């Protein structure tokens, strides 16, 4: 199932985010992976999914 990240993209573009296992719920965000991981762990999320939200959405077709 595809996840609509449109609202989260606007709020977190260019930032690192820590996600719950549902791959959508943001538990922490920041400029660096280290800071985001620390924030997530302080909130009780010891194994979050880390993801850097692109600063802009660029359509891509085919392989890189």
Protein backbone atom coordinates (compact mmCIF):
# COMPACT_ATOMS: atom_id res chain seq x y z
CA UNK A 1 0.00 0.00 0.00
CA UNK A 2 1.34 3.42 -0.93
CA UNK A 3 1.73 6.03 1.80
CA UNK A 4 0.77 9.63 1.04
CA UNK A 5 3.61 11.75 2.41
CA UNK A 6 2.31 15.04 0.93
CA UNK A 7 1.54 16.71 4.27
CA UNK A 8 4.68 15.38 5.95
CA UNK A 9 6.82 16.50 3.00
CA UNK A 10 5.73 20.11 3.40
CA UNK A 11 6.47 20.08 7.13
CA UNK A 12 9.75 18.12 7.12
CA UNK A 13 11.36 18.80 3.71
CA UNK A 14 15.14 18.74 3.91
CA UNK A 15 15.16 17.23 7.43
CA UNK A 16 15.93 13.83 8.86
CA UNK A 17 12.95 12.15 10.51
CA UNK A 18 12.50 9.14 12.77
CA UNK A 19 9.39 7.11 11.98
CA UNK A 20 7.41 4.53 13.91
CA UNK A 21 7.08 1.07 12.33
CA UNK A 22 3.91 2.22 10.54
CA UNK A 23 6.33 4.12 8.22
CA UNK A 24 4.28 7.31 8.56
CA UNK A 25 4.17 8.58 12.14
CA UNK A 26 7.04 10.99 12.80
CA UNK A 27 8.44 10.72 16.34
CA UNK A 28 11.40 13.11 15.88
CA UNK A 29 12.96 15.39 13.28
CA UNK A 30 16.11 17.44 12.90
CA UNK A 31 19.14 18.42 10.83
CA UNK A 32 21.29 15.38 11.65
CA UNK A 33 20.76 11.64 12.00
CA UNK A 34 22.51 11.67 15.38
CA UNK A 35 20.16 14.30 16.84
CA UNK A 36 17.04 12.63 15.45
CA UNK A 37 18.04 9.21 16.77
CA UNK A 38 18.76 10.67 20.22
CA UNK A 39 15.39 12.50 20.28
CA UNK A 40 13.55 9.34 19.21
CA UNK A 41 15.28 7.21 21.86
CA UNK A 42 14.47 9.81 24.54
CA UNK A 43 10.81 9.40 23.56
CA UNK A 44 11.00 5.61 23.97
CA UNK A 45 11.46 4.71 20.30
CA UNK A 46 14.64 2.63 20.41
CA UNK A 47 14.53 1.30 16.84
CA UNK A 48 12.94 3.97 14.61
CA UNK A 49 13.06 4.08 10.83
CA UNK A 50 15.38 6.94 9.83
CA UNK A 51 14.63 8.82 6.63
CA UNK A 52 15.83 12.06 5.06
CA UNK A 53 12.95 13.91 3.44
CA UNK A 54 14.08 15.41 0.11
CA UNK A 55 14.16 19.20 -0.14
CA UNK A 56 12.18 18.96 -3.37
CA UNK A 57 10.22 16.30 -5.22
CA UNK A 58 11.70 15.46 -8.59
CA UNK A 59 9.84 13.00 -10.82
CA UNK A 60 11.95 10.10 -12.04
CA UNK A 61 11.22 7.49 -14.64
CA UNK A 62 13.35 4.36 -15.11
CA UNK A 63 16.53 3.30 -13.42
CA UNK A 64 19.23 5.54 -12.01
